[in-house]
Amino acid sequence: MALDIFALMVALPPLRKQAAERGMSLPAHLLRNSDPASTTVAVSGGCALIGGLVAGLGVAACQVTRSPMPDTVASAIIGLLLLVTSAFLLRANRELLTGRGVSSLTLAEMRKTVKAQAGVVDVPDFFAVYVGPSSVIVNGDVIFADELNVPAVETAIIKAATTLRERWPSIEYVYLTPVPLARPRRVRRPKLKNPVEVSKSRSD
């Protein structure tokens, strides 16, 4: 338990500071934290500490009452605590395995930052995902004003990328593609006709 307390004393202050900077509660920050190591240390340390307290109370109550029931109840509580902790860590880390996107509020601010650049008409498609504990990739389509030439478009893209990195230092890569109009990310394939209808049309 002393080692668990020491682990919490090391892990919690940075997490609380990050949560305060983002204006989030500590549980919400643990769910959205992109560093699985710090989240695992904090949550598992808290689980171990609570489990140690429950185990100590169970053993003490068992000695006082001379009954195995308190120890059995304590074991059940510890098992339930481990199950809840595992579910929490699974929920917090599963998106990191497949590519977790930034929060909707942060994504909206990033899009607004790009749209505020001179010469930008609209940002129809925009997304950002984590690729590491503190690395974010930003990708989006940008519609520029028709009167801009190629050097002006390049300058606007560079300025937008620089502004994004200054405000969000975790952004490592920025890919902004100039497009004439909004283009869909998913290509909708036309539905195939009924094979019977196709064969009839061919025979006709």
C-alpha atoms as a PDB file:
ATOM      1  CA  MET A   1       0.000   0.000   0.000  1.00  0.00           C
ATOM      2  CA  ALA A   2       2.908   2.356   0.700  1.00  0.00           C
ATOM      3  CA  LEU A   3       4.284   1.707  -2.794  1.00  0.00           C
ATOM      4  CA  ASP A   4       0.821   2.277  -4.282  1.00  0.00           C
ATOM      5  CA  ILE A   5       0.542   5.609  -2.455  1.00  0.00           C
ATOM      6  CA  PHE A   6       3.965   6.616  -3.780  1.00  0.00           C
ATOM      7  CA  ALA A   7       2.929   5.685  -7.342  1.00  0.00           C
ATOM      8  CA  LEU A   8      -0.211   7.813  -7.023  1.00  0.00           C
ATOM      9  CA  MET A   9       1.778  10.749  -5.637  1.00  0.00           C
ATOM     10  CA  VAL A  10       3.991  10.597  -8.730  1.00  0.00           C
ATOM     11  CA  ALA A  11       1.248   9.994 -11.320  1.00  0.00           C
ATOM     12  CA  LEU A  12      -1.618  12.223 -10.169  1.00  0.00           C
ATOM     13  CA  PRO A  13      -0.081  15.756 -10.101  1.00  0.00           C
ATOM     14  CA  PRO A  14       0.769  15.856 -13.847  1.00  0.00           C
ATOM     15  CA  LEU A  15      -2.649  14.444 -14.707  1.00  0.00           C
ATOM     16  CA  ARG A  16      -4.421  17.013 -12.529  1.00  0.00           C
ATOM     17  CA  LYS A  17      -2.402  19.796 -14.133  1.00  0.00           C
ATOM     18  CA  GLN A  18      -3.288  18.589 -17.630  1.00  0.00           C
ATOM     19  CA  ALA A  19      -6.963  18.270 -16.673  1.00  0.00           C
ATOM     20  CA  ALA A  20      -6.983  21.824 -15.272  1.00  0.00           C
ATOM     21  CA  GLU A  21      -5.350  23.193 -18.436  1.00  0.00           C
ATOM     22  CA  ARG A  22      -8.021  21.535 -20.570  1.00  0.00           C
ATOM     23  CA  GLY A  23     -10.850  22.550 -18.243  1.00  0.00           C
ATOM     24  CA  MET A  24     -11.817  18.938 -17.574  1.00  0.00           C
ATOM     25  CA  SER A  25     -12.396  16.841 -14.493  1.00  0.00           C
ATOM     26  CA  LEU A  26      -9.796  14.233 -13.618  1.00  0.00           C
ATOM     27  CA  PRO A  27     -12.015  11.206 -14.547  1.00  0.00           C
ATOM     28  CA  ALA A  28     -12.913  12.812 -17.885  1.00  0.00           C
ATOM     29  CA  HIS A  29      -9.254  13.562 -18.562  1.00  0.00           C
ATOM     30  CA  LEU A  30      -8.303   9.970 -17.774  1.00  0.00           C
ATOM     31  CA  LEU A  31     -10.774   8.808 -20.409  1.00  0.00           C
ATOM     32  CA  ARG A  32      -9.454  11.247 -23.015  1.00  0.00           C
ATOM     33  CA  ASN A  33      -5.773  11.081 -22.087  1.00  0.00           C
ATOM     34  CA  SER A  34      -3.601  10.010 -25.019  1.00  0.00           C
ATOM     35  CA  ASP A  35      -0.854   8.580 -22.772  1.00  0.00           C
ATOM     36  CA  PRO A  36      -1.988   5.086 -21.733  1.00  0.00           C
ATOM     37  CA  ALA A  37       0.981   4.598 -19.388  1.00  0.00           C
ATOM     38  CA  SER A  38       0.094   7.479 -17.048  1.00  0.00           C
ATOM     39  CA  THR A  39      -3.589   6.534 -17.059  1.00  0.00           C
ATOM     40  CA  THR A  40      -2.796   2.905 -16.266  1.00  0.00           C
ATOM     41  CA  VAL A  41      -0.436   3.833 -13.422  1.00  0.00           C
ATOM     42  CA  ALA A  42      -2.980   6.188 -11.840  1.00  0.00           C
ATOM     43  CA  VAL A  43      -6.001   3.915 -12.184  1.00  0.00           C
ATOM     44  CA  SER A  44      -4.233   0.680 -11.251  1.00  0.00           C
ATOM     45  CA  GLY A  45      -2.522   2.394  -8.317  1.00  0.00           C
ATOM     46  CA  GLY A  46      -5.850   3.676  -7.019  1.00  0.00           C
ATOM     47  CA  CYS A  47      -7.403   0.244  -7.487  1.00  0.00           C
ATOM     48  CA  ALA A  48      -4.544  -1.424  -5.620  1.00  0.00           C
ATOM     49  CA  LEU A  49      -4.768   1.072  -2.759  1.00  0.00           C
ATOM     50  CA  ILE A  50      -8.523   0.654  -2.344  1.00  0.00           C
ATOM     51  CA  GLY A  51      -8.137  -3.110  -2.636  1.00  0.00           C
ATOM     52  CA  GLY A  52      -5.492  -3.094   0.081  1.00  0.00           C
ATOM     53  CA  LEU A  53      -7.760  -1.106   2.407  1.00  0.00           C
ATOM     54  CA  VAL A  54     -10.696  -3.443   1.754  1.00  0.00           C
ATOM     55  CA  ALA A  55      -8.488  -6.484   2.324  1.00  0.00           C
ATOM     56  CA  GLY A  56      -7.162  -5.040   5.593  1.00  0.00           C
ATOM     57  CA  LEU A  57     -10.664  -4.297   6.839  1.00  0.00           C
ATOM     58  CA  GLY A  58     -11.807  -7.773   5.847  1.00  0.00           C
ATOM     59  CA  VAL A  59      -8.964  -9.466   7.707  1.00  0.00           C
ATOM     60  CA  ALA A  60      -9.500  -7.278  10.778  1.00  0.00           C
ATOM     61  CA  ALA A  61     -13.241  -7.957  10.822  1.00  0.00           C
ATOM     62  CA  CYS A  62     -12.571 -11.662  10.360  1.00  0.00           C
ATOM     63  CA  GLN A  63     -10.265 -11.687  13.398  1.00  0.00           C
ATOM     64  CA  VAL A  64     -12.750  -9.751  15.529  1.00  0.00           C
ATOM     65  CA  THR A  65     -15.872 -11.731  14.613  1.00  0.00           C
ATOM     66  CA  ARG A  66     -14.122 -15.106  14.298  1.00  0.00           C
ATOM     67  CA  SER A  67     -16.096 -15.608  11.097  1.00  0.00           C
ATOM     68  CA  PRO A  68     -14.847 -16.075   7.529  1.00  0.00           C
ATOM     69  CA  MET A  69     -17.743 -14.030   6.162  1.00  0.00           C
ATOM     70  CA  PRO A  70     -15.991 -10.597   6.245  1.00  0.00           C
ATOM     71  CA  ASP A  71     -13.010 -12.020   4.370  1.00  0.00           C
ATOM     72  CA  THR A  72     -15.341 -13.520   1.756  1.00  0.00           C
ATOM     73  CA  VAL A  73     -17.175 -10.221   1.300  1.00  0.00           C
ATOM     74  CA  ALA A  74     -13.881  -8.339   1.018  1.00  0.00           C
ATOM     75  CA  SER A  75     -12.670 -10.763  -1.653  1.00  0.00           C
ATOM     76  CA  ALA A  76     -15.886 -10.250  -3.619  1.00  0.00           C
ATOM     77  CA  ILE A  77     -15.518  -6.467  -3.392  1.00  0.00           C
ATOM     78  CA  ILE A  78     -11.903  -6.661  -4.579  1.00  0.00           C
ATOM     79  CA  GLY A  79     -12.931  -8.854  -7.510  1.00  0.00           C
ATOM     80  CA  LEU A  80     -15.652  -6.379  -8.486  1.00  0.00           C
ATOM     81  CA  LEU A  81     -13.169  -3.516  -8.163  1.00  0.00           C
ATOM     82  CA  LEU A  82     -10.730  -5.266 -10.493  1.00  0.00           C
ATOM     83  CA  LEU A  83     -13.524  -5.855 -13.000  1.00  0.00           C
ATOM     84  CA  VAL A  84     -14.543  -2.178 -12.967  1.00  0.00           C
ATOM     85  CA  THR A  85     -10.907  -1.063 -13.300  1.00  0.00           C
ATOM     86  CA  SER A  86     -10.340  -3.388 -16.254  1.00  0.00           C
ATOM     87  CA  ALA A  87     -13.474  -2.089 -17.996  1.00  0.00           C
ATOM     88  CA  PHE A  88     -12.370   1.509 -17.415  1.00  0.00           C
ATOM     89  CA  LEU A  89      -8.886   0.910 -18.842  1.00  0.00           C
ATOM     90  CA  LEU A  90     -10.357  -0.985 -21.786  1.00  0.00           C
ATOM     91  CA  ARG A  91     -12.665   1.910 -22.585  1.00  0.00           C
ATOM     92  CA  ALA A  92      -9.888   4.464 -22.141  1.00  0.00           C
ATOM     93  CA  ASN A  93      -7.358   2.659 -24.349  1.00  0.00           C
ATOM     94  CA  ARG A  94      -9.351   0.834 -27.014  1.00  0.00           C
ATOM     95  CA  GLU A  95      -9.651   3.917 -29.248  1.00  0.00           C
ATOM     96  CA  LEU A  96      -5.886   4.424 -29.122  1.00  0.00           C
ATOM     97  CA  LEU A  97      -5.443   1.046 -30.817  1.00  0.00           C
ATOM     98  CA  THR A  98      -7.651   1.991 -33.780  1.00  0.00           C
ATOM     99  CA  GLY A  99      -6.975   5.738 -33.919  1.00  0.00           C
ATOM    100  CA  ARG A 100      -8.609   8.089 -31.464  1.00  0.00           C
ATOM    101  CA  GLY A 101      -9.793  11.433 -32.724  1.00  0.00           C
ATOM    102  CA  VAL A 102      -9.491  14.630 -30.736  1.00  0.00           C
ATOM    103  CA  SER A 103     -12.558  15.903 -28.889  1.00  0.00           C
ATOM    104  CA  SER A 104     -15.316  17.566 -30.888  1.00  0.00           C
ATOM    105  CA  LEU A 105     -14.650  20.948 -29.241  1.00  0.00           C
ATOM    106  CA  THR A 106     -10.931  20.814 -30.061  1.00  0.00           C
ATOM    107  CA  LEU A 107     -11.684  19.701 -33.611  1.00  0.00           C
ATOM    108  CA  ALA A 108     -14.077  22.621 -34.057  1.00  0.00           C
ATOM    109  CA  GLU A 109     -11.422  25.053 -32.797  1.00  0.00           C
ATOM    110  CA  MET A 110      -8.837  23.591 -35.181  1.00  0.00           C
ATOM    111  CA  ARG A 111     -11.214  23.913 -38.120  1.00  0.00           C
ATOM    112  CA  LYS A 112     -12.029  27.477 -37.091  1.00  0.00           C
ATOM    113  CA  THR A 113      -8.308  28.298 -36.952  1.00  0.00           C
ATOM    114  CA  VAL A 114      -7.773  27.068 -40.508  1.00  0.00           C
ATOM    115  CA  LYS A 115     -10.900  28.814 -41.785  1.00  0.00           C
ATOM    116  CA  ALA A 116      -9.732  32.107 -40.258  1.00  0.00           C
ATOM    117  CA  GLN A 117      -6.676  32.235 -42.537  1.00  0.00           C
ATOM    118  CA  ALA A 118      -6.648  34.810 -45.318  1.00  0.00           C
ATOM    119  CA  GLY A 119      -7.940  33.443 -48.601  1.00  0.00           C
ATOM    120  CA  VAL A 120      -9.711  30.418 -47.084  1.00  0.00           C
ATOM    121  CA  VAL A 121     -13.355  30.201 -48.141  1.00  0.00           C
ATOM    122  CA  ASP A 122     -14.385  27.008 -46.356  1.00  0.00           C
ATOM    123  CA  VAL A 123     -13.052  23.842 -44.697  1.00  0.00           C
ATOM    124  CA  PRO A 124     -15.588  21.212 -45.758  1.00  0.00           C
ATOM    125  CA  ASP A 125     -13.770  18.157 -44.418  1.00  0.00           C
ATOM    126  CA  PHE A 126     -11.456  18.132 -41.412  1.00  0.00           C
ATOM    127  CA  PHE A 127     -10.286  15.570 -38.861  1.00  0.00           C
ATOM    128  CA  ALA A 128      -7.444  14.970 -36.407  1.00  0.00           C
ATOM    129  CA  VAL A 129      -6.354  11.699 -34.793  1.00  0.00           C
ATOM    130  CA  TYR A 130      -3.765  10.626 -32.245  1.00  0.00           C
ATOM    131  CA  VAL A 131      -0.879   8.492 -33.494  1.00  0.00           C
ATOM    132  CA  GLY A 132       1.078   8.452 -30.222  1.00  0.00           C
ATOM    133  CA  PRO A 133       0.987   9.641 -26.609  1.00  0.00           C
ATOM    134  CA  SER A 134       1.515  13.245 -27.699  1.00  0.00           C
ATOM    135  CA  SER A 135       1.384  13.172 -31.498  1.00  0.00           C
ATOM    136  CA  VAL A 136      -1.588  14.296 -33.577  1.00  0.00           C
ATOM    137  CA  ILE A 137      -2.121  14.184 -37.329  1.00  0.00           C
ATOM    138  CA  VAL A 138      -4.373  16.824 -38.881  1.00  0.00           C
ATOM    139  CA  ASN A 139      -5.913  16.287 -42.301  1.00  0.00           C
ATOM    140  CA  GLY A 140      -8.487  18.318 -44.165  1.00  0.00           C
ATOM    141  CA  ASP A 141      -9.814  19.733 -47.420  1.00  0.00           C
ATOM    142  CA  VAL A 142      -9.635  23.490 -47.848  1.00  0.00           C
ATOM    143  CA  ILE A 143     -11.461  25.637 -50.404  1.00  0.00           C
ATOM    144  CA  PHE A 144      -9.489  28.762 -51.313  1.00  0.00           C
ATOM    145  CA  ALA A 145     -10.635  31.917 -53.053  1.00  0.00           C
ATOM    146  CA  ASP A 146     -10.497  31.704 -56.857  1.00  0.00           C
ATOM    147  CA  GLU A 147      -8.263  34.749 -57.176  1.00  0.00           C
ATOM    148  CA  LEU A 148      -5.401  33.152 -55.233  1.00  0.00           C
ATOM    149  CA  ASN A 149      -2.473  31.819 -57.227  1.00  0.00           C
ATOM    150  CA  VAL A 150      -0.378  28.786 -56.324  1.00  0.00           C
ATOM    151  CA  PRO A 151       2.249  30.645 -54.222  1.00  0.00           C
ATOM    152  CA  ALA A 152      -0.519  32.368 -52.245  1.00  0.00           C
ATOM    153  CA  VAL A 153      -2.220  29.032 -51.563  1.00  0.00           C
ATOM    154  CA  GLU A 154       1.086  27.515 -50.417  1.00  0.00           C
ATOM    155  CA  THR A 155       1.677  30.478 -48.102  1.00  0.00           C
ATOM    156  CA  ALA A 156      -1.804  30.140 -46.607  1.00  0.00           C
ATOM    157  CA  ILE A 157      -1.294  26.417 -45.975  1.00  0.00           C
ATOM    158  CA  ILE A 158       2.082  27.015 -44.300  1.00  0.00           C
ATOM    159  CA  LYS A 159       0.619  29.763 -42.136  1.00  0.00           C
ATOM    160  CA  ALA A 160      -2.343  27.598 -41.139  1.00  0.00           C
ATOM    161  CA  ALA A 161      -0.043  24.711 -40.199  1.00  0.00           C
ATOM    162  CA  THR A 162       2.203  27.026 -38.173  1.00  0.00           C
ATOM    163  CA  THR A 163      -0.768  28.527 -36.329  1.00  0.00           C
ATOM    164  CA  LEU A 164      -2.137  25.085 -35.515  1.00  0.00           C
ATOM    165  CA  ARG A 165       1.199  23.884 -34.126  1.00  0.00           C
ATOM    166  CA  GLU A 166       1.644  27.025 -32.046  1.00  0.00           C
ATOM    167  CA  ARG A 167      -1.729  26.570 -30.372  1.00  0.00           C
ATOM    168  CA  TRP A 168      -1.603  22.767 -30.137  1.00  0.00           C
ATOM    169  CA  PRO A 169       2.048  21.666 -29.778  1.00  0.00           C
ATOM    170  CA  SER A 170       1.011  18.005 -29.933  1.00  0.00           C
ATOM    171  CA  ILE A 171       0.251  18.377 -33.652  1.00  0.00           C
ATOM    172  CA  GLU A 172       3.096  16.717 -35.525  1.00  0.00           C
ATOM    173  CA  TYR A 173       1.798  16.465 -39.090  1.00  0.00           C
ATOM    174  CA  VAL A 174      -0.568  18.759 -40.974  1.00  0.00           C
ATOM    175  CA  TYR A 175      -2.006  17.779 -44.354  1.00  0.00           C
ATOM    176  CA  LEU A 176      -4.253  20.400 -45.943  1.00  0.00           C
ATOM    177  CA  THR A 177      -5.425  19.706 -49.476  1.00  0.00           C
ATOM    178  CA  PRO A 178      -6.753  22.510 -51.698  1.00  0.00           C
ATOM    179  CA  VAL A 179      -9.994  21.438 -53.376  1.00  0.00           C
ATOM    180  CA  PRO A 180     -12.335  23.331 -55.721  1.00  0.00           C
ATOM    181  CA  LEU A 181     -15.471  22.021 -53.997  1.00  0.00           C
ATOM    182  CA  ALA A 182     -16.352  19.778 -51.085  1.00  0.00           C
ATOM    183  CA  ARG A 183     -15.476  16.209 -51.933  1.00  0.00           C
ATOM    184  CA  PRO A 184     -16.871  13.186 -50.097  1.00  0.00           C
ATOM    185  CA  ARG A 185     -14.400  11.043 -48.170  1.00  0.00           C
ATOM    186  CA  ARG A 186     -16.388   7.896 -48.892  1.00  0.00           C
ATOM    187  CA  VAL A 187     -17.117   6.856 -52.432  1.00  0.00           C
ATOM    188  CA  ARG A 188     -20.635   5.538 -52.812  1.00  0.00           C
ATOM    189  CA  ARG A 189     -20.694   2.612 -55.172  1.00  0.00           C
ATOM    190  CA  PRO A 190     -23.761   2.266 -57.377  1.00  0.00           C
ATOM    191  CA  LYS A 191     -26.049  -0.604 -56.543  1.00  0.00           C
ATOM    192  CA  LEU A 192     -25.829  -3.515 -58.957  1.00  0.00           C
ATOM    193  CA  LYS A 193     -28.945  -4.518 -60.766  1.00  0.00           C
ATOM    194  CA  ASN A 194     -30.637  -7.823 -60.249  1.00  0.00           C
ATOM    195  CA  PRO A 195     -28.691 -10.488 -62.235  1.00  0.00           C
ATOM    196  CA  VAL A 196     -31.964 -11.616 -63.831  1.00  0.00           C
ATOM    197  CA  GLU A 197     -32.706  -8.086 -65.007  1.00  0.00           C
ATOM    198  CA  VAL A 198     -29.156  -7.738 -66.347  1.00  0.00           C
ATOM    199  CA  SER A 199     -29.421 -10.963 -68.325  1.00  0.00           C
ATOM    200  CA  LYS A 200     -32.790  -9.891 -69.739  1.00  0.00           C
ATOM    201  CA  SER A 201     -31.422  -6.524 -70.805  1.00  0.00           C
ATOM    202  CA  ARG A 202     -28.485  -8.230 -72.520  1.00  0.00           C
ATOM    203  CA  SER A 203     -30.747 -10.665 -74.335  1.00  0.00           C
ATOM    204  CA  ASP A 204     -32.973  -7.831 -75.513  1.00  0.00           C
END
